[in-house]
């Protein structure tokens, strides 16, 4: 995910330095597909843990928690690519 986000940041920086205000829709769709693929792979590698006795959720790992944040906040995470006024580190 880190490599994908830095690659996308590079594209945004190049477009911005060339006086562009948006990335092409095709580029955004391509990065969105890659982002979704990483989330899907992460779901397989870090599945939700259940508490066997209680039937509820068990405490999750750090990677799982980060994965859930990336999944649930994808729009906010990628906002810098859709709106160049939003800084990458926002």
PDB file of N, CA and C in Angstrom:
ATOM      1  N   UNK A   1       0.831  -1.185   0.000  1.00  0.00           N
ATOM      2  CA  UNK A   1       0.000   0.000   0.000  1.00  0.00           C
ATOM      3  C   UNK A   1       0.877   1.250   0.000  1.00  0.00           C
ATOM      4  N   UNK A   2       1.948   1.197   0.767  1.00  0.00           N
ATOM      5  CA  UNK A   2       2.845   2.355   0.840  1.00  0.00           C
ATOM      6  C   UNK A   2       3.386   2.702  -0.550  1.00  0.00           C
ATOM      7  N   UNK A   3       3.814   1.685  -1.271  1.00  0.00           N
ATOM      8  CA  UNK A   3       4.367   1.926  -2.610  1.00  0.00           C
ATOM      9  C   UNK A   3       3.306   2.499  -3.552  1.00  0.00           C
ATOM     10  N   UNK A   4       2.098   1.987  -3.459  1.00  0.00           N
ATOM     11  CA  UNK A   4       1.011   2.495  -4.302  1.00  0.00           C
ATOM     12  C   UNK A   4       0.734   3.966  -3.995  1.00  0.00           C
ATOM     13  N   UNK A   5       0.645   4.307  -2.721  1.00  0.00           N
ATOM     14  CA  UNK A   5       0.343   5.690  -2.354  1.00  0.00           C
ATOM     15  C   UNK A   5       1.459   6.641  -2.772  1.00  0.00           C
ATOM     16  N   UNK A   6       2.713   6.205  -2.618  1.00  0.00           N
ATOM     17  CA  UNK A   6       3.825   7.060  -3.062  1.00  0.00           C
ATOM     18  C   UNK A   6       3.866   7.186  -4.586  1.00  0.00           C
ATOM     19  N   UNK A   7       3.522   6.120  -5.279  1.00  0.00           N
ATOM     20  CA  UNK A   7       3.459   6.199  -6.741  1.00  0.00           C
ATOM     21  C   UNK A   7       2.369   7.183  -7.169  1.00  0.00           C
ATOM     22  N   UNK A   8       1.231   7.111  -6.528  1.00  0.00           N
ATOM     23  CA  UNK A   8       0.134   8.029  -6.829  1.00  0.00           C
ATOM     24  C   UNK A   8       0.520   9.463  -6.486  1.00  0.00           C
ATOM     25  N   UNK A   9       1.205   9.654  -5.368  1.00  0.00           N
ATOM     26  CA  UNK A   9       1.678  10.995  -4.998  1.00  0.00           C
ATOM     27  C   UNK A   9       2.611  11.546  -6.070  1.00  0.00           C
ATOM     28  N   UNK A  10       3.485  10.702  -6.610  1.00  0.00           N
ATOM     29  CA  UNK A  10       4.379  11.123  -7.679  1.00  0.00           C
ATOM     30  C   UNK A  10       3.616  11.574  -8.915  1.00  0.00           C
ATOM     31  N   UNK A  11       2.570  10.842  -9.245  1.00  0.00           N
ATOM     32  CA  UNK A  11       1.741  11.227 -10.399  1.00  0.00           C
ATOM     33  C   UNK A  11       1.065  12.566 -10.153  1.00  0.00           C
ATOM     34  N   UNK A  12       0.559  12.749  -8.938  1.00  0.00           N
ATOM     35  CA  UNK A  12      -0.098  14.017  -8.593  1.00  0.00           C
ATOM     36  C   UNK A  12       0.914  15.150  -8.655  1.00  0.00           C
ATOM     37  N   UNK A  13       2.098  14.941  -8.105  1.00  0.00           N
ATOM     38  CA  UNK A  13       3.131  15.986  -8.115  1.00  0.00           C
ATOM     39  C   UNK A  13       3.531  16.365  -9.542  1.00  0.00           C
ATOM     40  N   UNK A  14       3.705  15.352 -10.412  1.00  0.00           N
ATOM     41  CA  UNK A  14       4.059  15.647 -11.814  1.00  0.00           C
ATOM     42  C   UNK A  14       2.937  16.402 -12.517  1.00  0.00           C
ATOM     43  N   UNK A  15       1.713  15.977 -12.300  1.00  0.00           N
ATOM     44  CA  UNK A  15       0.579  16.659 -12.934  1.00  0.00           C
ATOM     45  C   UNK A  15       0.481  18.100 -12.427  1.00  0.00           C
ATOM     46  N   UNK A  16       0.650  18.265 -11.130  1.00  0.00           N
ATOM     47  CA  UNK A  16       0.571  19.605 -10.539  1.00  0.00           C
ATOM     48  C   UNK A  16       1.687  20.507 -11.073  1.00  0.00           C
ATOM     49  N   UNK A  17       2.896  19.968 -11.222  1.00  0.00           N
ATOM     50  CA  UNK A  17       4.004  20.777 -11.741  1.00  0.00           C
ATOM     51  C   UNK A  17       3.817  21.123 -13.221  1.00  0.00           C
ATOM     52  N   UNK A  18       2.976  20.362 -13.912  1.00  0.00           N
ATOM     53  CA  UNK A  18       2.651  20.654 -15.312  1.00  0.00           C
ATOM     54  C   UNK A  18       1.364  21.472 -15.437  1.00  0.00           C
ATOM     55  N   UNK A  19       0.995  22.138 -14.351  1.00  0.00           N
ATOM     56  CA  UNK A  19      -0.177  23.026 -14.298  1.00  0.00           C
ATOM     57  C   UNK A  19      -1.505  22.304 -14.518  1.00  0.00           C
ATOM     58  N   UNK A  20      -1.545  21.030 -14.232  1.00  0.00           N
ATOM     59  CA  UNK A  20      -2.808  20.284 -14.303  1.00  0.00           C
ATOM     60  C   UNK A  20      -3.522  20.442 -12.966  1.00  0.00           C
ATOM     61  N   UNK A  21      -4.816  20.312 -12.980  1.00  0.00           N
ATOM     62  CA  UNK A  21      -5.597  20.414 -11.740  1.00  0.00           C
ATOM     63  C   UNK A  21      -6.229  19.093 -11.343  1.00  0.00           C
ATOM     64  N   UNK A  22      -6.217  18.127 -12.249  1.00  0.00           N
ATOM     65  CA  UNK A  22      -6.770  16.798 -11.951  1.00  0.00           C
ATOM     66  C   UNK A  22      -5.958  15.744 -12.702  1.00  0.00           C
ATOM     67  N   UNK A  23      -6.008  14.537 -12.187  1.00  0.00           N
ATOM     68  CA  UNK A  23      -5.437  13.403 -12.913  1.00  0.00           C
ATOM     69  C   UNK A  23      -6.479  12.883 -13.887  1.00  0.00           C
ATOM     70  N   UNK A  24      -6.065  12.281 -14.974  1.00  0.00           N
ATOM     71  CA  UNK A  24      -7.032  11.696 -15.898  1.00  0.00           C
ATOM     72  C   UNK A  24      -7.881  10.626 -15.196  1.00  0.00           C
ATOM     73  N   UNK A  25      -9.125  10.537 -15.564  1.00  0.00           N
ATOM     74  CA  UNK A  25     -10.044   9.572 -14.954  1.00  0.00           C
ATOM     75  C   UNK A  25      -9.521   8.145 -15.107  1.00  0.00           C
ATOM     76  N   UNK A  26      -8.907   7.868 -16.222  1.00  0.00           N
ATOM     77  CA  UNK A  26      -8.363   6.522 -16.467  1.00  0.00           C
ATOM     78  C   UNK A  26      -7.273   6.185 -15.445  1.00  0.00           C
ATOM     79  N   UNK A  27      -6.433   7.140 -15.146  1.00  0.00           N
ATOM     80  CA  UNK A  27      -5.370   6.947 -14.155  1.00  0.00           C
ATOM     81  C   UNK A  27      -5.965   6.719 -12.773  1.00  0.00           C
ATOM     82  N   UNK A  28      -6.949   7.523 -12.413  1.00  0.00           N
ATOM     83  CA  UNK A  28      -7.599   7.366 -11.110  1.00  0.00           C
ATOM     84  C   UNK A  28      -8.260   5.997 -10.979  1.00  0.00           C
ATOM     85  N   UNK A  29      -8.924   5.544 -12.032  1.00  0.00           N
ATOM     86  CA  UNK A  29      -9.569   4.217 -11.999  1.00  0.00           C
ATOM     87  C   UNK A  29      -8.528   3.113 -11.836  1.00  0.00           C
ATOM     88  N   UNK A  30      -7.415   3.252 -12.527  1.00  0.00           N
ATOM     89  CA  UNK A  30      -6.352   2.260 -12.440  1.00  0.00           C
ATOM     90  C   UNK A  30      -5.812   2.167 -11.008  1.00  0.00           C
ATOM     91  N   UNK A  31      -5.551   3.308 -10.399  1.00  0.00           N
ATOM     92  CA  UNK A  31      -5.054   3.302  -9.029  1.00  0.00           C
ATOM     93  C   UNK A  31      -6.119   2.792  -8.058  1.00  0.00           C
ATOM     94  N   UNK A  32      -7.371   3.087  -8.311  1.00  0.00           N
ATOM     95  CA  UNK A  32      -8.451   2.595  -7.440  1.00  0.00           C
ATOM     96  C   UNK A  32      -8.524   1.071  -7.501  1.00  0.00           C
ATOM     97  N   UNK A  33      -8.359   0.509  -8.699  1.00  0.00           N
ATOM     98  CA  UNK A  33      -8.370  -0.955  -8.834  1.00  0.00           C
ATOM     99  C   UNK A  33      -7.200  -1.578  -8.073  1.00  0.00           C
ATOM    100  N   UNK A  34      -6.036  -0.976  -8.182  1.00  0.00           N
ATOM    101  CA  UNK A  34      -4.864  -1.484  -7.457  1.00  0.00           C
ATOM    102  C   UNK A  34      -5.076  -1.377  -5.947  1.00  0.00           C
ATOM    103  N   UNK A  35      -5.634  -0.269  -5.516  1.00  0.00           N
ATOM    104  CA  UNK A  35      -5.929  -0.053  -4.092  1.00  0.00           C
ATOM    105  C   UNK A  35      -6.881  -1.133  -3.597  1.00  0.00           C
ATOM    106  N   UNK A  36      -7.948  -1.373  -4.348  1.00  0.00           N
ATOM    107  CA  UNK A  36      -8.928  -2.393  -3.975  1.00  0.00           C
ATOM    108  C   UNK A  36      -8.307  -3.786  -3.944  1.00  0.00           C
ATOM    109  N   UNK A  37      -7.400  -4.069  -4.871  1.00  0.00           N
ATOM    110  CA  UNK A  37      -6.732  -5.371  -4.904  1.00  0.00           C
ATOM    111  C   UNK A  37      -5.855  -5.557  -3.662  1.00  0.00           C
ATOM    112  N   UNK A  38      -5.199  -4.503  -3.233  1.00  0.00           N
ATOM    113  CA  UNK A  38      -4.373  -4.583  -2.031  1.00  0.00           C
ATOM    114  C   UNK A  38      -5.251  -4.830  -0.807  1.00  0.00           C
ATOM    115  N   UNK A  39      -6.378  -4.170  -0.740  1.00  0.00           N
ATOM    116  CA  UNK A  39      -7.311  -4.374   0.374  1.00  0.00           C
ATOM    117  C   UNK A  39      -7.802  -5.821   0.383  1.00  0.00           C
ATOM    118  N   UNK A  40      -8.164  -6.339  -0.779  1.00  0.00           N
ATOM    119  CA  UNK A  40      -8.640  -7.725  -0.876  1.00  0.00           C
ATOM    120  C   UNK A  40      -7.559  -8.707  -0.427  1.00  0.00           C
ATOM    121  N   UNK A  41      -6.334  -8.498  -0.866  1.00  0.00           N
ATOM    122  CA  UNK A  41      -5.227  -9.366  -0.449  1.00  0.00           C
ATOM    123  C   UNK A  41      -4.998  -9.254   1.057  1.00  0.00           C
ATOM    124  N   UNK A  42      -5.127  -8.062   1.582  1.00  0.00           N
ATOM    125  CA  UNK A  42      -4.963  -7.853   3.021  1.00  0.00           C
ATOM    126  C   UNK A  42      -6.034  -8.561   3.827  1.00  0.00           C
ATOM    127  N   UNK A  43      -7.253  -8.569   3.316  1.00  0.00           N
ATOM    128  CA  UNK A  43      -8.353  -9.265   3.996  1.00  0.00           C
ATOM    129  C   UNK A  43      -8.060 -10.761   4.087  1.00  0.00           C
ATOM    130  N   UNK A  44      -7.429 -11.305   3.064  1.00  0.00           N
ATOM    131  CA  UNK A  44      -7.080 -12.733   3.066  1.00  0.00           C
ATOM    132  C   UNK A  44      -5.933 -12.993   4.036  1.00  0.00           C
ATOM    133  N   UNK A  45      -4.928 -12.125   4.002  1.00  0.00           N
ATOM    134  CA  UNK A  45      -3.744 -12.314   4.842  1.00  0.00           C
ATOM    135  C   UNK A  45      -4.012 -12.024   6.315  1.00  0.00           C
ATOM    136  N   UNK A  46      -4.910 -11.086   6.580  1.00  0.00           N
ATOM    137  CA  UNK A  46      -5.222 -10.683   7.955  1.00  0.00           C
ATOM    138  C   UNK A  46      -6.731 -10.749   8.182  1.00  0.00           C
ATOM    139  N   UNK A  47      -7.286 -11.955   8.284  1.00  0.00           N
ATOM    140  CA  UNK A  47      -8.738 -12.082   8.443  1.00  0.00           C
ATOM    141  C   UNK A  47      -9.205 -11.594   9.822  1.00  0.00           C
ATOM    142  N   UNK A  48     -10.476 -11.313   9.913  1.00  0.00           N
ATOM    143  CA  UNK A  48     -11.091 -10.905  11.169  1.00  0.00           C
ATOM    144  C   UNK A  48     -11.011 -12.061  12.155  1.00  0.00           C
ATOM    145  N   UNK A  49     -10.514 -11.776  13.347  1.00  0.00           N
ATOM    146  CA  UNK A  49     -10.433 -12.815  14.381  1.00  0.00           C
ATOM    147  C   UNK A  49     -11.713 -12.799  15.202  1.00  0.00           C
ATOM    148  N   UNK A  50     -12.238 -13.984  15.465  1.00  0.00           N
ATOM    149  CA  UNK A  50     -13.431 -14.112  16.292  1.00  0.00           C
ATOM    150  C   UNK A  50     -13.049 -14.749  17.615  1.00  0.00           C
ATOM    151  N   UNK A  51     -13.766 -14.407  18.641  1.00  0.00           N
ATOM    152  CA  UNK A  51     -13.546 -14.985  19.959  1.00  0.00           C
ATOM    153  C   UNK A  51     -14.323 -16.304  20.001  1.00  0.00           C
ATOM    154  N   UNK A  52     -13.645 -17.442  20.090  1.00  0.00           N
ATOM    155  CA  UNK A  52     -14.333 -18.732  19.981  1.00  0.00           C
ATOM    156  C   UNK A  52     -15.354 -18.996  21.084  1.00  0.00           C
ATOM    157  N   UNK A  53     -15.124 -18.498  22.271  1.00  0.00           N
ATOM    158  CA  UNK A  53     -16.039 -18.792  23.380  1.00  0.00           C
ATOM    159  C   UNK A  53     -17.258 -17.895  23.390  1.00  0.00           C
ATOM    160  N   UNK A  54     -17.051 -16.665  23.075  1.00  0.00           N
ATOM    161  CA  UNK A  54     -18.140 -15.693  23.176  1.00  0.00           C
ATOM    162  C   UNK A  54     -18.859 -15.478  21.844  1.00  0.00           C
ATOM    163  N   UNK A  55     -18.228 -15.866  20.769  1.00  0.00           N
ATOM    164  CA  UNK A  55     -18.841 -15.678  19.464  1.00  0.00           C
ATOM    165  C   UNK A  55     -18.677 -14.277  18.908  1.00  0.00           C
ATOM    166  N   UNK A  56     -18.104 -13.381  19.694  1.00  0.00           N
ATOM    167  CA  UNK A  56     -17.888 -12.007  19.243  1.00  0.00           C
ATOM    168  C   UNK A  56     -16.513 -11.844  18.631  1.00  0.00           C
ATOM    169  N   UNK A  57     -16.129 -10.624  18.460  1.00  0.00           N
ATOM    170  CA  UNK A  57     -14.815 -10.333  17.883  1.00  0.00           C
ATOM    171  C   UNK A  57     -13.741 -10.365  18.953  1.00  0.00           C
ATOM    172  N   UNK A  58     -12.591 -10.876  18.586  1.00  0.00           N
ATOM    173  CA  UNK A  58     -11.422 -10.848  19.453  1.00  0.00           C
ATOM    174  C   UNK A  58     -10.630  -9.581  19.149  1.00  0.00           C
ATOM    175  N   UNK A  59      -9.679  -9.271  20.018  1.00  0.00           N
ATOM    176  CA  UNK A  59      -8.804  -8.118  19.773  1.00  0.00           C
ATOM    177  C   UNK A  59      -8.063  -8.347  18.464  1.00  0.00           C
ATOM    178  N   UNK A  60      -8.040  -7.337  17.618  1.00  0.00           N
ATOM    179  CA  UNK A  60      -7.424  -7.440  16.299  1.00  0.00           C
ATOM    180  C   UNK A  60      -5.964  -6.998  16.347  1.00  0.00           C
ATOM    181  N   UNK A  61      -5.197  -7.445  15.371  1.00  0.00           N
ATOM    182  CA  UNK A  61      -3.786  -7.073  15.271  1.00  0.00           C
ATOM    183  C   UNK A  61      -3.648  -5.664  14.704  1.00  0.00           C
ATOM    184  N   UNK A  62      -2.465  -5.094  14.865  1.00  0.00           N
ATOM    185  CA  UNK A  62      -2.188  -3.770  14.295  1.00  0.00           C
ATOM    186  C   UNK A  62      -2.365  -3.737  12.783  1.00  0.00           C
ATOM    187  N   UNK A  63      -1.798  -4.731  12.043  1.00  0.00           N
ATOM    188  CA  UNK A  63      -2.006  -4.736  10.594  1.00  0.00           C
ATOM    189  C   UNK A  63      -3.479  -4.823  10.207  1.00  0.00           C
ATOM    190  N   UNK A  64      -4.254  -5.606  10.942  1.00  0.00           N
ATOM    191  CA  UNK A  64      -5.690  -5.726  10.649  1.00  0.00           C
ATOM    192  C   UNK A  64      -6.391  -4.382  10.872  1.00  0.00           C
ATOM    193  N   UNK A  65      -6.049  -3.712  11.968  1.00  0.00           N
ATOM    194  CA  UNK A  65      -6.671  -2.415  12.250  1.00  0.00           C
ATOM    195  C   UNK A  65      -6.339  -1.390  11.169  1.00  0.00           C
ATOM    196  N   UNK A  66      -5.080  -1.388  10.708  1.00  0.00           N
ATOM    197  CA  UNK A  66      -4.689  -0.470   9.642  1.00  0.00           C
ATOM    198  C   UNK A  66      -5.431  -0.805   8.350  1.00  0.00           C
ATOM    199  N   UNK A  67      -5.532  -2.082   8.050  1.00  0.00           N
ATOM    200  CA  UNK A  67      -6.266  -2.527   6.867  1.00  0.00           C
ATOM    201  C   UNK A  67      -7.710  -2.033   6.901  1.00  0.00           C
ATOM    202  N   UNK A  68      -8.345  -2.166   8.048  1.00  0.00           N
ATOM    203  CA  UNK A  68      -9.742  -1.728   8.182  1.00  0.00           C
ATOM    204  C   UNK A  68      -9.854  -0.222   7.966  1.00  0.00           C
ATOM    205  N   UNK A  69      -8.879   0.524   8.470  1.00  0.00           N
ATOM    206  CA  UNK A  69      -8.908   1.983   8.254  1.00  0.00           C
ATOM    207  C   UNK A  69      -8.759   2.323   6.774  1.00  0.00           C
ATOM    208  N   UNK A  70      -7.816   1.653   6.106  1.00  0.00           N
ATOM    209  CA  UNK A  70      -7.650   1.878   4.667  1.00  0.00           C
ATOM    210  C   UNK A  70      -8.930   1.512   3.913  1.00  0.00           C
ATOM    211  N   UNK A  71      -9.559   0.416   4.301  1.00  0.00           N
ATOM    212  CA  UNK A  71     -10.780  -0.032   3.626  1.00  0.00           C
ATOM    213  C   UNK A  71     -11.936   0.935   3.870  1.00  0.00           C
ATOM    214  N   UNK A  72     -12.151   1.290   5.130  1.00  0.00           N
ATOM    215  CA  UNK A  72     -13.305   2.118   5.485  1.00  0.00           C
ATOM    216  C   UNK A  72     -13.133   3.588   5.148  1.00  0.00           C
ATOM    217  N   UNK A  73     -11.900   4.018   4.990  1.00  0.00           N
ATOM    218  CA  UNK A  73     -11.637   5.440   4.723  1.00  0.00           C
ATOM    219  C   UNK A  73     -10.915   5.639   3.396  1.00  0.00           C
ATOM    220  N   UNK A  74     -11.219   4.797   2.446  1.00  0.00           N
ATOM    221  CA  UNK A  74     -10.552   4.852   1.139  1.00  0.00           C
ATOM    222  C   UNK A  74     -10.752   6.212   0.473  1.00  0.00           C
ATOM    223  N   UNK A  75     -11.949   6.727   0.540  1.00  0.00           N
ATOM    224  CA  UNK A  75     -12.233   8.018  -0.109  1.00  0.00           C
ATOM    225  C   UNK A  75     -11.362   9.124   0.491  1.00  0.00           C
ATOM    226  N   UNK A  76     -11.260   9.156   1.804  1.00  0.00           N
ATOM    227  CA  UNK A  76     -10.435  10.169   2.466  1.00  0.00           C
ATOM    228  C   UNK A  76      -8.946   9.932   2.201  1.00  0.00           C
ATOM    229  N   UNK A  77      -8.545   8.669   2.152  1.00  0.00           N
ATOM    230  CA  UNK A  77      -7.141   8.331   1.916  1.00  0.00           C
ATOM    231  C   UNK A  77      -6.686   8.793   0.541  1.00  0.00           C
ATOM    232  N   UNK A  78      -7.546   8.671  -0.443  1.00  0.00           N
ATOM    233  CA  UNK A  78      -7.194   9.008  -1.822  1.00  0.00           C
ATOM    234  C   UNK A  78      -7.640  10.407  -2.250  1.00  0.00           C
ATOM    235  N   UNK A  79      -8.140  11.175  -1.319  1.00  0.00           N
ATOM    236  CA  UNK A  79      -8.656  12.499  -1.658  1.00  0.00           C
ATOM    237  C   UNK A  79      -7.597  13.393  -2.293  1.00  0.00           C
ATOM    238  N   UNK A  80      -6.338  13.263  -1.872  1.00  0.00           N
ATOM    239  CA  UNK A  80      -5.260  14.088  -2.431  1.00  0.00           C
ATOM    240  C   UNK A  80      -5.114  13.901  -3.942  1.00  0.00           C
ATOM    241  N   UNK A  81      -5.527  12.732  -4.458  1.00  0.00           N
ATOM    242  CA  UNK A  81      -5.413  12.466  -5.890  1.00  0.00           C
ATOM    243  C   UNK A  81      -6.592  13.052  -6.671  1.00  0.00           C
ATOM    244  N   UNK A  82      -7.693  13.287  -6.001  1.00  0.00           N
ATOM    245  CA  UNK A  82      -8.885  13.838  -6.643  1.00  0.00           C
ATOM    246  C   UNK A  82      -8.949  15.359  -6.523  1.00  0.00           C
ATOM    247  N   UNK A  83      -8.346  15.880  -5.470  1.00  0.00           N
ATOM    248  CA  UNK A  83      -8.363  17.318  -5.220  1.00  0.00           C
ATOM    249  C   UNK A  83      -6.946  17.740  -4.850  1.00  0.00           C
ATOM    250  N   UNK A  84      -6.258  18.366  -5.774  1.00  0.00           N
ATOM    251  CA  UNK A  84      -4.858  18.723  -5.569  1.00  0.00           C
ATOM    252  C   UNK A  84      -4.641  19.717  -4.451  1.00  0.00           C
ATOM    253  N   UNK A  85      -5.703  20.342  -3.967  1.00  0.00           N
ATOM    254  CA  UNK A  85      -5.552  21.287  -2.839  1.00  0.00           C
ATOM    255  C   UNK A  85      -5.346  20.540  -1.530  1.00  0.00           C
ATOM    256  N   UNK A  86      -5.701  19.260  -1.490  1.00  0.00           N
ATOM    257  CA  UNK A  86      -5.547  18.451  -0.268  1.00  0.00           C
ATOM    258  C   UNK A  86      -4.127  17.909  -0.240  1.00  0.00           C
ATOM    259  N   UNK A  87      -3.382  18.199   0.825  1.00  0.00           N
ATOM    260  CA  UNK A  87      -2.003  17.688   0.882  1.00  0.00           C
ATOM    261  C   UNK A  87      -1.966  16.175   1.083  1.00  0.00           C
ATOM    262  N   UNK A  88      -0.922  15.563   0.575  1.00  0.00           N
ATOM    263  CA  UNK A  88      -0.742  14.122   0.682  1.00  0.00           C
ATOM    264  C   UNK A  88      -0.746  13.677   2.143  1.00  0.00           C
ATOM    265  N   UNK A  89      -0.177  14.455   3.009  1.00  0.00           N
ATOM    266  CA  UNK A  89      -0.051  14.077   4.424  1.00  0.00           C
ATOM    267  C   UNK A  89      -1.215  14.543   5.275  1.00  0.00           C
ATOM    268  N   UNK A  90      -2.311  14.926   4.672  1.00  0.00           N
ATOM    269  CA  UNK A  90      -3.441  15.435   5.435  1.00  0.00           C
ATOM    270  C   UNK A  90      -3.975  14.406   6.396  1.00  0.00           C
TER     271      UNK A  90
END
